[in-house]
Amino acid sequence: MFRLVAEIDPSRRAELGARLRAANTAASPALRALRAAGQDREAPLQLWALDDTDALVGGLAGHTWAGWLHVSTLWVDERWRGGGVGGALLSEAERVARAERGCRAVRLETWDFQAPEFYRKQGYDVVCVIPDYPVGITEYTFTKRL
């Protein structure tokens, strides 16, 4: 017998993730090889673009894992857009991922009204398109080999 409970529980969430990772590693020779090589640890990556007064003008947040950089957030203040801040943040994240963490590729998601053309200009390719996510918006997943 079991029961379903809908609640936010950080300790159960952590246990769920650990159990899934263990099951996946047991089932996948590729994941076992990553673990044996010490490449299965997720490491955060954050970069900040600051002006002369140390005010935030842009930033990038993500993580590296299994030879990939996943960029979850890239933002540039509207006054600084078009001036190279976004490209510099992305380029430095790629450099750190490749040179310091041994990554081979990058993935990120963006919506149709955000920055798909920016990512194309940076050498990224669309690998997935999800219409109506959320309704009325298209989400794109981009990747780039380093």
N, C-alpha and C. Protein backbone atom coordinates (compact mmCIF):
# COMPACT_ATOMS: atom_id res chain seq x y z
N MET A 1 0.83 -1.18 0.00
CA MET A 1 0.00 0.00 0.00
C MET A 1 0.88 1.25 0.00
N PHE A 2 0.47 2.28 -0.68
CA PHE A 2 1.19 3.55 -0.68
C PHE A 2 0.20 4.68 -0.68
N ARG A 3 0.68 5.87 -0.35
CA ARG A 3 -0.16 7.06 -0.42
C ARG A 3 0.62 8.16 -1.13
N LEU A 4 -0.07 9.05 -1.78
CA LEU A 4 0.53 10.17 -2.47
C LEU A 4 0.43 11.41 -1.60
N VAL A 5 1.52 12.18 -1.53
CA VAL A 5 1.56 13.39 -0.73
C VAL A 5 2.11 14.50 -1.61
N ALA A 6 1.40 15.60 -1.71
CA ALA A 6 1.87 16.76 -2.47
C ALA A 6 2.38 17.81 -1.49
N GLU A 7 3.70 17.90 -1.36
CA GLU A 7 4.29 18.88 -0.45
C GLU A 7 5.72 19.17 -0.89
N ILE A 8 6.22 20.32 -0.53
CA ILE A 8 7.60 20.67 -0.78
C ILE A 8 8.42 20.09 0.37
N ASP A 9 9.39 19.23 0.04
CA ASP A 9 10.21 18.57 1.05
C ASP A 9 11.63 18.47 0.52
N PRO A 10 12.50 19.41 0.89
CA PRO A 10 13.87 19.42 0.38
C PRO A 10 14.65 18.13 0.65
N SER A 11 14.45 17.51 1.79
CA SER A 11 15.21 16.29 2.07
C SER A 11 14.75 15.14 1.19
N ARG A 12 13.44 15.02 0.97
CA ARG A 12 12.96 13.98 0.05
C ARG A 12 13.38 14.29 -1.38
N ARG A 13 13.41 15.58 -1.75
CA ARG A 13 13.85 15.96 -3.10
C ARG A 13 15.30 15.54 -3.30
N ALA A 14 16.14 15.76 -2.30
CA ALA A 14 17.55 15.36 -2.39
C ALA A 14 17.67 13.84 -2.48
N GLU A 15 16.88 13.13 -1.68
CA GLU A 15 16.91 11.67 -1.73
C GLU A 15 16.44 11.16 -3.09
N LEU A 16 15.39 11.77 -3.64
CA LEU A 16 14.89 11.39 -4.96
C LEU A 16 15.99 11.52 -6.01
N GLY A 17 16.68 12.66 -5.99
CA GLY A 17 17.77 12.88 -6.95
C GLY A 17 18.89 11.87 -6.78
N ALA A 18 19.27 11.60 -5.54
CA ALA A 18 20.35 10.63 -5.28
C ALA A 18 19.96 9.24 -5.75
N ARG A 19 18.73 8.84 -5.47
CA ARG A 19 18.30 7.50 -5.90
C ARG A 19 18.23 7.39 -7.42
N LEU A 20 17.75 8.45 -8.09
CA LEU A 20 17.70 8.41 -9.55
C LEU A 20 19.11 8.34 -10.13
N ARG A 21 20.05 9.16 -9.60
CA ARG A 21 21.44 9.11 -10.08
C ARG A 21 22.03 7.71 -9.89
N ALA A 22 21.77 7.10 -8.74
CA ALA A 22 22.29 5.75 -8.49
C ALA A 22 21.70 4.74 -9.47
N ALA A 23 20.40 4.81 -9.71
CA ALA A 23 19.77 3.88 -10.65
C ALA A 23 20.28 4.10 -12.07
N ASN A 24 20.41 5.36 -12.46
CA ASN A 24 20.92 5.66 -13.80
C ASN A 24 22.35 5.18 -13.97
N THR A 25 23.18 5.42 -12.97
CA THR A 25 24.58 4.99 -13.04
C THR A 25 24.67 3.47 -13.13
N ALA A 26 23.85 2.78 -12.37
CA ALA A 26 23.85 1.32 -12.42
C ALA A 26 23.42 0.80 -13.79
N ALA A 27 22.51 1.51 -14.44
CA ALA A 27 21.96 1.04 -15.71
C ALA A 27 22.77 1.46 -16.93
N SER A 28 23.65 2.44 -16.80
CA SER A 28 24.32 3.01 -17.97
C SER A 28 25.84 2.87 -17.89
N PRO A 29 26.44 2.14 -18.82
CA PRO A 29 27.90 2.06 -18.85
C PRO A 29 28.55 3.45 -19.05
N ALA A 30 27.91 4.32 -19.81
CA ALA A 30 28.46 5.66 -20.04
C ALA A 30 28.50 6.45 -18.74
N LEU A 31 27.43 6.38 -17.93
CA LEU A 31 27.42 7.09 -16.65
C LEU A 31 28.39 6.47 -15.65
N ARG A 32 28.57 5.14 -15.70
CA ARG A 32 29.56 4.51 -14.83
C ARG A 32 30.96 4.99 -15.19
N ALA A 33 31.23 5.14 -16.49
CA ALA A 33 32.54 5.64 -16.92
C ALA A 33 32.76 7.08 -16.47
N LEU A 34 31.71 7.92 -16.55
CA LEU A 34 31.82 9.30 -16.06
C LEU A 34 32.14 9.32 -14.57
N ARG A 35 31.46 8.48 -13.81
CA ARG A 35 31.70 8.43 -12.37
C ARG A 35 33.12 7.97 -12.09
N ALA A 36 33.58 6.94 -12.79
CA ALA A 36 34.93 6.42 -12.58
C ALA A 36 35.98 7.48 -12.90
N ALA A 37 35.69 8.34 -13.89
CA ALA A 37 36.63 9.40 -14.29
C ALA A 37 36.47 10.66 -13.44
N GLY A 38 35.51 10.65 -12.50
CA GLY A 38 35.29 11.81 -11.66
C GLY A 38 34.61 12.96 -12.37
N GLN A 39 33.91 12.68 -13.47
CA GLN A 39 33.26 13.73 -14.26
C GLN A 39 31.75 13.81 -14.02
N ASP A 40 31.28 13.17 -12.97
CA ASP A 40 29.83 13.15 -12.74
C ASP A 40 29.40 14.15 -11.67
N ARG A 41 30.30 15.02 -11.27
CA ARG A 41 29.96 16.02 -10.26
C ARG A 41 29.53 17.33 -10.92
N GLU A 42 28.41 17.85 -10.45
CA GLU A 42 27.91 19.13 -10.96
C GLU A 42 28.63 20.26 -10.23
N ALA A 43 29.11 21.25 -11.00
CA ALA A 43 29.80 22.39 -10.40
C ALA A 43 29.18 23.68 -10.93
N PRO A 44 28.78 24.59 -10.05
CA PRO A 44 28.19 25.85 -10.51
C PRO A 44 29.20 26.71 -11.25
N LEU A 45 28.69 27.51 -12.17
CA LEU A 45 29.51 28.48 -12.89
C LEU A 45 28.72 29.78 -12.94
N GLN A 46 29.30 30.84 -12.42
CA GLN A 46 28.63 32.14 -12.40
C GLN A 46 29.64 33.22 -12.80
N LEU A 47 29.21 34.12 -13.67
CA LEU A 47 30.03 35.25 -14.11
C LEU A 47 29.20 36.52 -14.01
N TRP A 48 29.84 37.62 -13.65
CA TRP A 48 29.14 38.88 -13.47
C TRP A 48 29.84 39.97 -14.27
N ALA A 49 29.07 40.79 -14.95
CA ALA A 49 29.58 41.98 -15.62
C ALA A 49 29.16 43.17 -14.77
N LEU A 50 30.15 43.95 -14.31
CA LEU A 50 29.90 45.07 -13.42
C LEU A 50 30.40 46.36 -14.05
N ASP A 51 29.72 47.46 -13.76
CA ASP A 51 30.19 48.76 -14.26
C ASP A 51 31.23 49.33 -13.30
N ASP A 52 31.66 50.56 -13.55
CA ASP A 52 32.71 51.19 -12.74
C ASP A 52 32.32 51.38 -11.28
N THR A 53 31.02 51.34 -10.99
CA THR A 53 30.55 51.48 -9.59
C THR A 53 30.20 50.14 -8.97
N ASP A 54 30.55 49.05 -9.65
CA ASP A 54 30.24 47.68 -9.23
C ASP A 54 28.77 47.33 -9.32
N ALA A 55 27.99 48.11 -10.07
CA ALA A 55 26.59 47.78 -10.30
C ALA A 55 26.52 46.67 -11.35
N LEU A 56 25.56 45.78 -11.18
CA LEU A 56 25.38 44.66 -12.11
C LEU A 56 24.85 45.15 -13.45
N VAL A 57 25.56 44.84 -14.53
CA VAL A 57 25.08 45.17 -15.87
C VAL A 57 24.76 43.90 -16.67
N GLY A 58 25.18 42.75 -16.14
CA GLY A 58 24.88 41.49 -16.80
C GLY A 58 25.42 40.34 -15.99
N GLY A 59 24.93 39.15 -16.30
CA GLY A 59 25.42 37.98 -15.60
C GLY A 59 25.03 36.70 -16.30
N LEU A 60 25.77 35.65 -15.95
CA LEU A 60 25.53 34.33 -16.49
C LEU A 60 25.60 33.34 -15.33
N ALA A 61 24.63 32.45 -15.27
CA ALA A 61 24.63 31.40 -14.25
C ALA A 61 24.33 30.07 -14.92
N GLY A 62 24.99 29.05 -14.46
CA GLY A 62 24.77 27.72 -14.97
C GLY A 62 25.60 26.72 -14.18
N HIS A 63 25.86 25.58 -14.79
CA HIS A 63 26.70 24.58 -14.14
C HIS A 63 27.34 23.69 -15.19
N THR A 64 28.43 23.06 -14.79
CA THR A 64 29.06 22.07 -15.65
C THR A 64 28.80 20.69 -15.06
N TRP A 65 28.67 19.72 -15.94
CA TRP A 65 28.43 18.35 -15.53
C TRP A 65 28.67 17.45 -16.74
N ALA A 66 29.40 16.39 -16.54
CA ALA A 66 29.57 15.33 -17.54
C ALA A 66 30.09 15.87 -18.87
N GLY A 67 30.99 16.84 -18.81
CA GLY A 67 31.57 17.35 -20.04
C GLY A 67 30.72 18.39 -20.75
N TRP A 68 29.68 18.88 -20.09
CA TRP A 68 28.79 19.88 -20.68
C TRP A 68 28.68 21.08 -19.75
N LEU A 69 28.53 22.25 -20.36
CA LEU A 69 28.13 23.45 -19.65
C LEU A 69 26.65 23.66 -19.96
N HIS A 70 25.84 23.84 -18.92
CA HIS A 70 24.44 24.19 -19.11
C HIS A 70 24.26 25.61 -18.61
N VAL A 71 23.95 26.52 -19.52
CA VAL A 71 23.69 27.92 -19.16
C VAL A 71 22.20 28.01 -18.84
N SER A 72 21.88 28.31 -17.59
CA SER A 72 20.48 28.41 -17.20
C SER A 72 19.98 29.85 -17.25
N THR A 73 20.89 30.81 -17.06
CA THR A 73 20.48 32.22 -17.06
C THR A 73 21.58 33.07 -17.69
N LEU A 74 21.19 33.91 -18.64
CA LEU A 74 22.09 34.93 -19.19
C LEU A 74 21.25 36.18 -19.36
N TRP A 75 21.67 37.25 -18.71
CA TRP A 75 20.91 38.50 -18.74
C TRP A 75 21.87 39.67 -18.85
N VAL A 76 21.46 40.68 -19.65
CA VAL A 76 22.21 41.93 -19.77
C VAL A 76 21.22 43.07 -19.62
N ASP A 77 21.58 44.05 -18.80
CA ASP A 77 20.75 45.23 -18.60
C ASP A 77 20.48 45.88 -19.96
N GLU A 78 19.27 46.34 -20.15
CA GLU A 78 18.85 46.90 -21.44
C GLU A 78 19.79 48.00 -21.93
N ARG A 79 20.30 48.83 -21.03
CA ARG A 79 21.19 49.93 -21.43
C ARG A 79 22.52 49.42 -21.98
N TRP A 80 22.89 48.20 -21.67
CA TRP A 80 24.17 47.65 -22.08
C TRP A 80 24.05 46.67 -23.25
N ARG A 81 22.82 46.37 -23.68
CA ARG A 81 22.64 45.40 -24.77
C ARG A 81 23.20 45.94 -26.07
N GLY A 82 23.75 45.05 -26.86
CA GLY A 82 24.33 45.42 -28.14
C GLY A 82 25.76 45.92 -28.03
N GLY A 83 26.30 45.96 -26.82
CA GLY A 83 27.65 46.46 -26.61
C GLY A 83 28.68 45.39 -26.34
N GLY A 84 28.31 44.13 -26.50
CA GLY A 84 29.27 43.04 -26.34
C GLY A 84 29.29 42.36 -24.99
N VAL A 85 28.46 42.83 -24.05
CA VAL A 85 28.46 42.24 -22.71
C VAL A 85 28.02 40.78 -22.76
N GLY A 86 26.90 40.50 -23.43
CA GLY A 86 26.40 39.13 -23.50
C GLY A 86 27.38 38.20 -24.17
N GLY A 87 27.96 38.64 -25.27
CA GLY A 87 28.95 37.82 -25.96
C GLY A 87 30.17 37.55 -25.11
N ALA A 88 30.61 38.58 -24.36
CA ALA A 88 31.77 38.40 -23.48
C ALA A 88 31.47 37.41 -22.36
N LEU A 89 30.28 37.51 -21.76
CA LEU A 89 29.90 36.57 -20.71
C LEU A 89 29.86 35.14 -21.25
N LEU A 90 29.22 34.96 -22.39
CA LEU A 90 29.09 33.63 -22.97
C LEU A 90 30.46 33.08 -23.37
N SER A 91 31.28 33.91 -23.99
CA SER A 91 32.61 33.48 -24.41
C SER A 91 33.47 33.06 -23.22
N GLU A 92 33.42 33.83 -22.14
CA GLU A 92 34.21 33.48 -20.95
C GLU A 92 33.68 32.21 -20.30
N ALA A 93 32.37 32.03 -20.26
CA ALA A 93 31.81 30.79 -19.71
C ALA A 93 32.26 29.59 -20.54
N GLU A 94 32.26 29.73 -21.86
CA GLU A 94 32.73 28.65 -22.74
C GLU A 94 34.21 28.37 -22.48
N ARG A 95 35.02 29.42 -22.30
CA ARG A 95 36.45 29.25 -22.06
C ARG A 95 36.69 28.50 -20.76
N VAL A 96 36.02 28.92 -19.69
CA VAL A 96 36.17 28.26 -18.39
C VAL A 96 35.72 26.80 -18.50
N ALA A 97 34.58 26.58 -19.14
CA ALA A 97 34.06 25.22 -19.27
C ALA A 97 35.04 24.32 -20.03
N ARG A 98 35.60 24.83 -21.10
CA ARG A 98 36.51 24.05 -21.94
C ARG A 98 37.88 23.90 -21.27
N ALA A 99 38.52 25.02 -20.93
CA ALA A 99 39.90 25.00 -20.48
C ALA A 99 40.07 24.54 -19.04
N GLU A 100 39.13 24.90 -18.17
CA GLU A 100 39.29 24.60 -16.76
C GLU A 100 38.49 23.39 -16.28
N ARG A 101 37.45 23.03 -17.05
CA ARG A 101 36.59 21.94 -16.59
C ARG A 101 36.45 20.81 -17.60
N GLY A 102 37.15 20.91 -18.72
CA GLY A 102 37.17 19.84 -19.69
C GLY A 102 35.88 19.60 -20.44
N CYS A 103 35.02 20.60 -20.53
CA CYS A 103 33.74 20.42 -21.23
C CYS A 103 33.95 20.39 -22.74
N ARG A 104 33.08 19.67 -23.40
CA ARG A 104 33.11 19.52 -24.85
C ARG A 104 31.97 20.26 -25.55
N ALA A 105 30.96 20.69 -24.76
CA ALA A 105 29.79 21.28 -25.39
C ALA A 105 29.01 22.13 -24.38
N VAL A 106 28.08 22.92 -24.94
CA VAL A 106 27.22 23.80 -24.14
C VAL A 106 25.78 23.57 -24.57
N ARG A 107 24.87 23.70 -23.62
CA ARG A 107 23.44 23.71 -23.95
C ARG A 107 22.78 24.84 -23.18
N LEU A 108 21.71 25.36 -23.78
CA LEU A 108 20.94 26.42 -23.13
C LEU A 108 19.57 26.48 -23.76
N GLU A 109 18.65 27.13 -23.06
CA GLU A 109 17.29 27.32 -23.57
C GLU A 109 16.97 28.81 -23.60
N THR A 110 16.16 29.20 -24.59
CA THR A 110 15.70 30.58 -24.67
C THR A 110 14.31 30.59 -25.30
N TRP A 111 13.56 31.62 -25.02
CA TRP A 111 12.25 31.77 -25.65
C TRP A 111 12.35 32.61 -26.91
N ASP A 112 11.32 32.51 -27.75
CA ASP A 112 11.34 33.18 -29.06
C ASP A 112 11.48 34.69 -28.96
N PHE A 113 11.02 35.31 -27.88
CA PHE A 113 11.10 36.76 -27.75
C PHE A 113 12.38 37.20 -27.04
N GLN A 114 13.19 36.25 -26.59
CA GLN A 114 14.41 36.60 -25.87
C GLN A 114 15.59 36.76 -26.83
N ALA A 115 16.37 35.70 -27.03
CA ALA A 115 17.63 35.90 -27.74
C ALA A 115 18.02 34.80 -28.72
N PRO A 116 17.08 34.19 -29.44
CA PRO A 116 17.52 33.12 -30.35
C PRO A 116 18.52 33.59 -31.41
N GLU A 117 18.33 34.79 -31.93
CA GLU A 117 19.27 35.28 -32.95
C GLU A 117 20.65 35.55 -32.36
N PHE A 118 20.70 36.03 -31.14
CA PHE A 118 21.97 36.25 -30.46
C PHE A 118 22.74 34.94 -30.37
N TYR A 119 22.08 33.86 -29.96
CA TYR A 119 22.77 32.58 -29.81
C TYR A 119 23.20 32.02 -31.16
N ARG A 120 22.39 32.20 -32.18
CA ARG A 120 22.81 31.77 -33.52
C ARG A 120 24.09 32.49 -33.94
N LYS A 121 24.16 33.79 -33.68
CA LYS A 121 25.36 34.57 -34.03
C LYS A 121 26.58 34.13 -33.23
N GLN A 122 26.36 33.52 -32.08
CA GLN A 122 27.47 33.03 -31.25
C GLN A 122 27.88 31.60 -31.64
N GLY A 123 27.26 31.06 -32.70
CA GLY A 123 27.63 29.73 -33.18
C GLY A 123 26.82 28.58 -32.63
N TYR A 124 25.70 28.87 -32.01
CA TYR A 124 24.84 27.84 -31.44
C TYR A 124 23.85 27.33 -32.48
N ASP A 125 23.49 26.05 -32.36
CA ASP A 125 22.52 25.42 -33.26
C ASP A 125 21.27 25.01 -32.48
N VAL A 126 20.11 25.19 -33.10
CA VAL A 126 18.85 24.75 -32.51
C VAL A 126 18.77 23.23 -32.61
N VAL A 127 18.51 22.58 -31.48
CA VAL A 127 18.35 21.13 -31.47
C VAL A 127 16.95 20.70 -31.04
N CYS A 128 16.17 21.64 -30.51
CA CYS A 128 14.82 21.32 -30.07
C CYS A 128 13.97 22.58 -30.10
N VAL A 129 12.75 22.45 -30.57
CA VAL A 129 11.78 23.55 -30.58
C VAL A 129 10.51 23.04 -29.91
N ILE A 130 10.06 23.77 -28.89
CA ILE A 130 8.84 23.38 -28.18
C ILE A 130 7.84 24.53 -28.29
N PRO A 131 6.86 24.41 -29.21
CA PRO A 131 5.83 25.45 -29.32
C PRO A 131 4.91 25.45 -28.10
N ASP A 132 4.38 26.63 -27.80
CA ASP A 132 3.41 26.78 -26.71
C ASP A 132 3.95 26.33 -25.35
N TYR A 133 5.22 26.69 -25.08
CA TYR A 133 5.82 26.39 -23.77
C TYR A 133 6.39 27.65 -23.17
N PRO A 134 5.56 28.43 -22.44
CA PRO A 134 4.13 28.28 -22.20
C PRO A 134 3.31 28.72 -23.41
N VAL A 135 2.00 28.64 -23.28
CA VAL A 135 1.09 28.94 -24.39
C VAL A 135 1.44 30.29 -25.00
N GLY A 136 1.59 30.29 -26.32
CA GLY A 136 1.89 31.52 -27.05
C GLY A 136 3.37 31.82 -27.18
N ILE A 137 4.22 31.01 -26.57
CA ILE A 137 5.66 31.22 -26.61
C ILE A 137 6.32 29.93 -27.09
N THR A 138 7.37 30.08 -27.89
CA THR A 138 8.14 28.93 -28.34
C THR A 138 9.47 28.91 -27.60
N GLU A 139 9.82 27.75 -27.06
CA GLU A 139 11.13 27.59 -26.42
C GLU A 139 12.07 26.88 -27.37
N TYR A 140 13.30 27.36 -27.41
CA TYR A 140 14.36 26.76 -28.23
C TYR A 140 15.44 26.22 -27.31
N THR A 141 15.94 25.04 -27.62
CA THR A 141 17.13 24.52 -26.98
C THR A 141 18.26 24.61 -28.00
N PHE A 142 19.35 25.22 -27.59
CA PHE A 142 20.53 25.39 -28.43
C PHE A 142 21.69 24.58 -27.86
N THR A 143 22.58 24.12 -28.74
CA THR A 143 23.83 23.51 -28.30
C THR A 143 24.97 24.07 -29.15
N LYS A 144 26.16 23.92 -28.62
CA LYS A 144 27.38 24.32 -29.33
C LYS A 144 28.51 23.42 -28.89
N ARG A 145 29.26 22.89 -29.84
CA ARG A 145 30.45 22.11 -29.54
C ARG A 145 31.60 23.06 -29.28
N LEU A 146 32.36 22.78 -28.26
CA LEU A 146 33.50 23.63 -27.91
C LEU A 146 34.79 23.12 -28.55
